[in-house]
Amino acid sequence: MKFVDEAVIRVEAGDGGNGAVGFRREKYIPKGGPDGGDGGDGGSVYLVATENVNTLVDFRYQSVHRAQRGQNGMARNCTGKKGEDCLVPVPPGTLVCEAETGEVLGELVKAGERLLVAQGGFHGLGNTRFKSSINRTPMQATKGTPGEHRMLKLELTLIADVGLLGLPNAGKSSLIRAVSSARPKVADYPFTTLHPNLGVVRVDDLRSFVIADIPGVIEGAAEGAGLGLQFLKHLSRTGLLLHLIDVMPYESMDSPVSSARKIIQEVKSWSDDLADKPRWLVLNKIDRLESDSVEQHCQAIVDELEWQGPVFKVSALRGEGTRELMFAIMNFLEDRRRCDSEQK
C-alpha cells in the first residue's frame, strides 16, 4: 500500500434536534398543559488513534465524515434521541490542524486517544420548559443549534525509535531490509525510496525496536528541494539518528565527507531540535573497499569530519557489521528509557 502522510478532510457534527410544541389532551383532563419535549443533542465527530491503521490513504476515498443529527422533541414530554457520534480512526502519530488557519487542534500519539474535532449542536427546548404561573399555555419552543463544520488537515508523523538519514543511494533501504522484515525497493540508482518505510528490528525474543527509512535528503531540502523536506518530520519523534554515508560513491562527484556535511547542514537548517538529537555515523558499503584498506579509509573520513561520536562500519548488502550495530542501538534505547523512567 502506498504511504500517505497528509490528508484534508471535512467533518460535520450533527445539528441539535428541535424542541416540540404540544399540549396534553386526554379524556377527562381538559387543559392538560404543555407537554412538548426537548430535542436531542447532535452527535459530535471524534478522531480516534487506532493501532491497525497505518496510513491516511483511506481519506482519499472518504473525505467527508458526518455525525448524526439529534432527533426532534415529541409530545408527552418525550425527549428526542441524541445523535450518534462519528468516530474516525486515524493512525497514532497524527497531527490535526485547522486547514484554513493552520491552528493546531491536537495530536494523537497513543492508540486509544481521541480528539473532539466538531462539537454537536445543542438540543432545542420544548414548550414545557417555558410554562410558568403567568404563562400556562406557552406556544414557543427553540430550535436546536447547528453542529460545527470544519476542514481539517491531517499530518502523520511516524513513531519510530531510530531514523535513517542520508543522501539518496546511501544504502538506507538496503540496511532496513537487512535488519528487519521490511522490504522497501532497492536498486542501483538514487531516489528508489519515494515514501517512508517502517521496520521492526528484533535483536532477540524479548527485545525489539522500530526503525524508519525516509526518502534521501538532497542539498536544498530545507528550502523544499526533493522529497526530503516532506519527510524529515518523520525523524522528529525518533530517539536516535543513523547517518549513513557511502564510503565509496561511484556516481556522485562529491566525496563522502562533502556528502555528510551537506546532510548535516540541511538538518540544521530544517530544525534545531532534530539537529540536537543523538546521531551515530554509519559508514556503509565497505564491501567496495579492499579488506586491508577499510580501516584506513574509514578513519580518514572520520578525521576529516572531526567526528567525536560513535562510528560503525557496515555492509548492508552483505549484512556485515549490522548485528553489532543493532545490539548497540538496543542497548542505547534501553539505557535512555531507564534514565527517563528514573527522572519521572
Protein backbone atom coordinates (compact mmCIF):
# COMPACT_ATOMS: atom_id res chain seq x y z
CA MET A 1 0.00 0.00 0.00
CA LYS A 2 1.28 3.44 -0.85
CA PHE A 3 2.22 5.52 2.16
CA VAL A 4 0.12 8.65 2.53
CA ASP A 5 1.08 11.02 5.32
CA GLU A 6 -1.15 14.05 4.63
CA ALA A 7 -4.87 14.41 4.04
CA VAL A 8 -7.55 17.10 4.10
CA ILE A 9 -10.99 16.07 5.33
CA ARG A 10 -14.29 17.74 6.17
CA VAL A 11 -16.02 16.92 9.44
CA GLU A 12 -19.63 17.82 10.13
CA ALA A 13 -21.20 17.43 13.55
CA GLY A 14 -24.94 16.79 13.80
CA ASP A 15 -27.41 19.60 14.44
CA GLY A 16 -29.38 19.60 17.65
CA GLY A 17 -32.98 18.42 17.44
CA ASN A 18 -35.75 21.00 17.67
CA GLY A 19 -37.97 21.34 20.71
CA ALA A 20 -41.65 20.41 20.31
CA VAL A 21 -44.80 22.39 20.99
CA GLY A 22 -47.52 20.15 22.39
CA PHE A 23 -50.33 20.05 24.91
CA ARG A 24 -51.66 17.19 26.93
CA ARG A 25 -55.01 16.04 25.61
CA GLU A 26 -56.65 13.18 27.46
CA LYS A 27 -60.22 12.28 28.29
CA TYR A 28 -61.43 13.92 31.48
CA ILE A 29 -58.33 16.08 31.62
CA PRO A 30 -59.10 19.33 29.87
CA LYS A 31 -56.42 21.95 29.84
CA GLY A 32 -53.76 19.37 30.48
CA GLY A 33 -50.99 21.86 29.99
CA PRO A 34 -47.88 21.91 27.78
CA ASP A 35 -46.04 18.63 27.16
CA GLY A 36 -43.65 19.37 24.28
CA GLY A 37 -40.31 17.62 24.86
CA ASP A 38 -36.76 18.78 24.19
CA GLY A 39 -34.84 17.74 21.14
CA GLY A 40 -31.75 15.54 21.29
CA ASP A 41 -28.18 16.83 21.11
CA GLY A 42 -26.41 16.41 17.80
CA GLY A 43 -23.63 13.86 17.52
CA SER A 44 -20.02 15.03 17.64
CA VAL A 45 -17.06 13.98 15.49
CA TYR A 46 -14.03 12.45 17.18
CA LEU A 47 -10.71 11.32 15.74
CA VAL A 48 -9.54 8.12 17.40
CA ALA A 49 -5.98 6.78 17.26
CA THR A 50 -6.25 3.15 16.16
CA GLU A 51 -3.44 0.57 16.16
CA ASN A 52 -4.36 -1.27 12.98
CA VAL A 53 -4.48 1.93 10.89
CA ASN A 54 -1.07 2.81 9.45
CA THR A 55 -1.64 5.46 6.79
CA LEU A 56 -4.06 8.21 5.82
CA VAL A 57 -4.77 6.65 2.44
CA ASP A 58 -8.43 5.89 3.23
CA PHE A 59 -9.18 9.62 3.44
CA ARG A 60 -8.51 9.92 -0.28
CA TYR A 61 -11.68 7.93 -0.89
CA GLN A 62 -13.80 9.19 2.00
CA SER A 63 -13.07 12.81 2.81
CA VAL A 64 -16.35 13.81 4.46
CA HIS A 65 -17.35 12.49 7.88
CA ARG A 66 -20.74 13.35 9.39
CA ALA A 67 -22.25 12.71 12.79
CA GLN A 68 -25.95 12.07 13.21
CA ARG A 69 -28.47 14.84 13.78
CA GLY A 70 -30.37 14.92 17.07
CA GLN A 71 -33.98 13.79 16.95
CA ASN A 72 -36.72 16.39 17.37
CA GLY A 73 -38.68 16.51 20.63
CA MET A 74 -42.16 14.97 20.76
CA ALA A 75 -45.39 15.31 22.67
CA ARG A 76 -45.92 13.73 26.10
CA ASN A 77 -42.63 15.24 27.20
CA CYS A 78 -40.67 12.80 25.05
CA THR A 79 -37.11 13.92 24.55
CA GLY A 80 -35.56 13.35 21.15
CA LYS A 81 -32.78 10.80 20.83
CA LYS A 82 -29.21 12.09 20.83
CA GLY A 83 -27.43 11.80 17.51
CA GLU A 84 -24.72 9.14 17.30
CA ASP A 85 -21.16 10.37 17.41
CA CYS A 86 -18.91 9.80 14.41
CA LEU A 87 -15.64 8.09 15.34
CA VAL A 88 -12.96 8.48 12.68
CA PRO A 89 -9.98 6.08 13.00
CA VAL A 90 -6.54 7.59 12.36
CA PRO A 91 -3.01 6.23 12.85
CA PRO A 92 -1.16 7.01 16.08
CA GLY A 93 1.12 9.98 15.46
CA THR A 94 -1.50 12.09 13.63
CA LEU A 95 -1.28 15.86 13.98
CA VAL A 96 -4.61 17.66 13.47
CA CYS A 97 -4.74 21.25 12.20
CA GLU A 98 -7.42 23.64 11.03
CA ALA A 99 -6.99 23.60 7.25
CA GLU A 100 -7.69 27.31 6.68
CA THR A 101 -5.86 28.88 9.62
CA GLY A 102 -3.20 26.24 10.34
CA GLU A 103 -4.20 26.25 14.03
CA VAL A 104 -3.14 23.04 15.76
CA LEU A 105 -6.16 21.37 17.34
CA GLY A 106 -4.29 18.48 18.87
CA GLU A 107 -2.18 15.39 18.33
CA LEU A 108 -3.00 11.72 18.75
CA VAL A 109 0.11 9.88 19.86
CA LYS A 110 -1.00 6.65 21.53
CA ALA A 111 -3.58 4.11 20.42
CA GLY A 112 -6.93 4.74 22.09
CA GLU A 113 -6.56 8.50 22.38
CA ARG A 114 -9.43 10.54 20.96
CA LEU A 115 -9.79 14.17 19.95
CA LEU A 116 -13.02 16.15 19.62
CA VAL A 117 -12.86 17.98 16.29
CA ALA A 118 -16.50 19.01 15.75
CA GLN A 119 -18.96 19.62 18.56
CA GLY A 120 -22.53 18.52 18.05
CA GLY A 121 -25.32 21.08 18.23
CA PHE A 122 -27.23 21.71 21.46
CA HIS A 123 -30.80 20.49 21.68
CA GLY A 124 -33.78 22.78 21.31
CA LEU A 125 -36.19 23.26 24.21
CA GLY A 126 -39.81 22.13 24.14
CA ASN A 127 -42.64 24.36 25.28
CA THR A 128 -42.82 22.56 28.63
CA ARG A 129 -39.69 24.49 29.55
CA PHE A 130 -41.49 27.81 29.18
CA LYS A 131 -44.55 27.24 31.36
CA SER A 132 -44.92 29.45 34.39
CA SER A 133 -47.58 30.78 36.71
CA ILE A 134 -48.32 33.59 34.30
CA ASN A 135 -47.86 31.62 31.09
CA ARG A 136 -49.94 28.45 31.30
CA THR A 137 -50.06 27.78 27.56
CA PRO A 138 -46.64 28.63 26.13
CA MET A 139 -46.53 28.37 22.38
CA GLN A 140 -42.80 28.84 21.96
CA ALA A 141 -40.07 26.26 21.52
CA THR A 142 -36.49 26.67 20.41
CA LYS A 143 -34.63 25.09 17.54
CA GLY A 144 -31.51 23.06 18.01
CA THR A 145 -28.20 24.80 17.31
CA PRO A 146 -26.16 23.79 14.25
CA GLY A 147 -23.26 21.40 14.68
CA GLU A 148 -19.74 22.51 13.89
CA HIS A 149 -18.39 22.08 10.37
CA ARG A 150 -14.64 22.12 9.79
CA MET A 151 -11.98 21.44 7.20
CA LEU A 152 -9.08 19.61 8.81
CA LYS A 153 -5.56 18.90 7.68
CA LEU A 154 -4.13 15.66 9.00
CA GLU A 155 -0.38 15.05 9.08
CA LEU A 156 1.06 11.71 10.06
CA THR A 157 4.41 11.55 11.80
CA LEU A 158 5.87 8.07 12.03
CA ILE A 159 6.55 6.89 15.54
CA ALA A 160 9.89 5.12 15.37
CA ASP A 161 12.79 4.64 17.76
CA VAL A 162 15.51 5.05 15.14
CA GLY A 163 15.59 7.09 11.93
CA LEU A 164 17.88 6.63 8.92
CA LEU A 165 19.38 9.77 7.45
CA GLY A 166 21.48 10.10 4.32
CA LEU A 167 21.77 11.13 0.71
CA PRO A 168 19.95 9.16 -1.99
CA ASN A 169 21.65 5.82 -2.66
CA ALA A 170 23.50 5.83 0.67
CA GLY A 171 22.08 2.38 1.37
CA LYS A 172 19.27 3.18 3.82
CA SER A 173 16.77 0.84 2.16
CA SER A 174 19.36 -1.92 1.97
CA LEU A 175 20.06 -1.56 5.68
CA ILE A 176 16.42 -1.71 6.74
CA ARG A 177 15.96 -4.80 4.54
CA ALA A 178 19.00 -6.42 6.12
CA VAL A 179 17.91 -5.92 9.73
CA SER A 180 14.10 -6.18 9.57
CA SER A 181 11.28 -7.79 7.61
CA ALA A 182 10.51 -4.53 5.78
CA ARG A 183 11.01 -4.82 2.03
CA PRO A 184 11.46 -1.35 0.52
CA LYS A 185 12.54 -1.04 -3.09
CA VAL A 186 16.28 -1.36 -3.63
CA ALA A 187 18.11 -0.55 -6.87
CA ASP A 188 21.49 0.68 -8.05
CA TYR A 189 20.26 4.21 -8.76
CA PRO A 190 19.26 7.08 -6.45
CA PHE A 191 15.72 8.04 -5.33
CA THR A 192 14.41 4.49 -5.22
CA THR A 193 12.67 5.30 -1.91
CA LEU A 194 9.69 7.57 -2.57
CA HIS A 195 7.78 7.13 0.70
CA PRO A 196 8.75 6.25 4.27
CA ASN A 197 9.14 2.66 5.40
CA LEU A 198 8.95 1.20 8.89
CA GLY A 199 10.71 -1.95 10.02
CA VAL A 200 10.71 -3.81 13.33
CA VAL A 201 14.17 -4.99 14.37
CA ARG A 202 14.16 -7.95 16.77
CA VAL A 203 17.51 -8.34 18.46
CA ASP A 204 16.22 -11.35 20.44
CA ASP A 205 12.93 -12.94 21.50
CA LEU A 206 12.10 -10.22 24.04
CA ARG A 207 13.68 -7.05 22.69
CA SER A 208 12.88 -5.06 19.59
CA PHE A 209 12.71 -1.53 18.25
CA VAL A 210 11.23 0.29 15.26
CA ILE A 211 13.40 1.81 12.54
CA ALA A 212 12.24 4.33 9.92
CA ASP A 213 13.64 4.85 6.43
CA ILE A 214 12.73 8.07 4.61
CA PRO A 215 13.50 9.26 1.07
CA GLY A 216 17.04 10.54 0.64
CA VAL A 217 17.73 14.15 1.59
CA ILE A 218 19.41 16.30 -1.06
CA GLU A 219 21.04 19.70 -0.92
CA GLY A 220 18.37 22.38 -0.59
CA ALA A 221 15.86 20.05 1.10
CA ALA A 222 15.25 22.58 3.89
CA GLU A 223 14.05 25.01 1.22
CA GLY A 224 11.81 22.42 -0.39
CA ALA A 225 14.06 20.61 -2.87
CA GLY A 226 13.33 16.93 -3.45
CA LEU A 227 11.27 14.77 -1.11
CA GLY A 228 13.46 15.22 1.94
CA LEU A 229 11.65 18.21 3.42
CA GLN A 230 8.29 16.48 3.12
CA PHE A 231 9.51 13.53 5.18
CA LEU A 232 12.14 14.98 7.53
CA LYS A 233 9.34 15.49 10.05
CA HIS A 234 9.14 11.70 10.44
CA LEU A 235 12.53 11.80 12.17
CA SER A 236 11.32 14.29 14.79
CA ARG A 237 9.97 11.54 17.10
CA THR A 238 12.95 9.23 16.86
CA GLY A 239 15.33 8.80 19.75
CA LEU A 240 18.39 8.18 17.58
CA LEU A 241 19.52 9.12 14.08
CA LEU A 242 21.75 6.86 12.00
CA HIS A 243 23.65 8.97 9.48
CA LEU A 244 24.55 6.66 6.60
CA ILE A 245 27.50 7.57 4.41
CA ASP A 246 28.52 5.79 1.23
CA VAL A 247 32.26 5.29 1.71
CA MET A 248 32.89 4.76 -1.99
CA PRO A 249 30.28 6.58 -4.13
CA TYR A 250 30.70 5.68 -7.79
CA GLU A 251 28.15 8.08 -9.32
CA SER A 252 28.45 11.20 -7.19
CA MET A 253 31.14 13.81 -7.73
CA ASP A 254 31.05 14.59 -4.00
CA SER A 255 33.37 12.90 -1.57
CA PRO A 256 31.89 11.04 1.43
CA VAL A 257 32.90 13.95 3.67
CA SER A 258 31.29 16.55 1.43
CA SER A 259 28.11 14.49 1.24
CA ALA A 260 27.99 14.12 5.02
CA ARG A 261 28.40 17.85 5.55
CA LYS A 262 25.51 18.58 3.18
CA ILE A 263 23.21 16.34 5.19
CA ILE A 264 24.27 17.92 8.48
CA GLN A 265 23.64 21.40 7.09
CA GLU A 266 20.18 20.50 5.79
CA VAL A 267 19.16 19.01 9.13
CA LYS A 268 20.33 22.12 10.98
CA SER A 269 18.50 24.38 8.53
CA TRP A 270 15.28 22.43 8.94
CA SER A 271 15.14 22.06 12.72
CA ASP A 272 17.47 22.76 15.64
CA ASP A 273 15.68 20.09 17.68
CA LEU A 274 16.37 17.48 15.00
CA ALA A 275 19.99 18.57 14.75
CA ASP A 276 20.41 18.15 18.52
CA LYS A 277 19.22 14.55 18.53
CA PRO A 278 21.78 11.80 19.21
CA ARG A 279 23.36 10.85 15.90
CA TRP A 280 25.66 7.97 15.01
CA LEU A 281 27.85 7.72 11.96
CA VAL A 282 27.35 4.57 9.88
CA LEU A 283 29.92 4.09 7.14
CA ASN A 284 28.18 1.85 4.63
CA LYS A 285 29.25 -0.17 1.60
CA ILE A 286 32.62 -1.21 2.98
CA ASP A 287 32.34 -4.24 0.71
CA ARG A 288 33.53 -1.96 -2.11
CA LEU A 289 36.86 -1.45 -0.36
CA GLU A 290 39.80 -3.78 -0.21
CA SER A 291 39.73 -5.58 3.12
CA ASP A 292 43.16 -4.29 4.12
CA SER A 293 42.21 -0.65 3.42
CA VAL A 294 38.81 -0.48 5.17
CA GLU A 295 40.14 0.76 8.49
CA GLN A 296 42.41 3.40 6.97
CA HIS A 297 39.78 4.67 4.51
CA CYS A 298 37.07 4.97 7.14
CA GLN A 299 39.36 6.60 9.68
CA ALA A 300 40.26 9.26 7.12
CA ILE A 301 36.57 10.12 6.71
CA VAL A 302 36.07 10.34 10.48
CA ASP A 303 39.15 12.51 10.94
CA GLU A 304 38.19 14.94 8.17
CA LEU A 305 34.69 15.29 9.63
CA GLU A 306 36.23 15.77 13.09
CA TRP A 307 33.62 13.33 14.31
CA GLN A 308 33.63 12.55 18.03
CA GLY A 309 30.58 10.30 18.30
CA PRO A 310 30.04 6.57 17.74
CA VAL A 311 31.13 5.15 14.38
CA PHE A 312 30.07 1.87 12.79
CA LYS A 313 31.40 0.27 9.62
CA VAL A 314 28.88 -1.92 7.83
CA SER A 315 27.96 -3.52 4.55
CA ALA A 316 24.17 -3.52 4.37
CA LEU A 317 24.31 -5.61 1.21
CA ARG A 318 26.23 -8.43 2.87
CA GLY A 319 24.94 -7.88 6.41
CA GLU A 320 28.46 -7.30 7.66
CA GLY A 321 28.59 -5.30 10.91
CA THR A 322 24.79 -4.91 11.10
CA ARG A 323 24.30 -7.26 14.04
CA GLU A 324 26.75 -5.33 16.21
CA LEU A 325 25.06 -2.06 15.19
CA MET A 326 21.57 -3.32 16.10
CA PHE A 327 22.66 -4.57 19.52
CA ALA A 328 24.38 -1.24 20.22
CA ILE A 329 21.17 0.60 19.28
CA MET A 330 19.07 -1.65 21.53
CA ASN A 331 21.37 -1.02 24.47
CA PHE A 332 21.30 2.73 23.82
CA LEU A 333 17.50 2.82 23.71
CA GLU A 334 17.16 0.74 26.87
CA ASP A 335 19.59 2.99 28.74
CA ARG A 336 17.66 6.04 27.58
CA ARG A 337 14.32 4.59 28.67
CA ARG A 338 15.80 3.67 32.03
CA CYS A 339 17.06 7.23 32.54
CA ASP A 340 13.71 8.69 31.53
CA SER A 341 11.84 6.46 33.98
CA GLU A 342 14.23 7.39 36.80
CA GLN A 343 13.75 11.09 36.13
CA LYS A 344 9.98 10.68 36.40
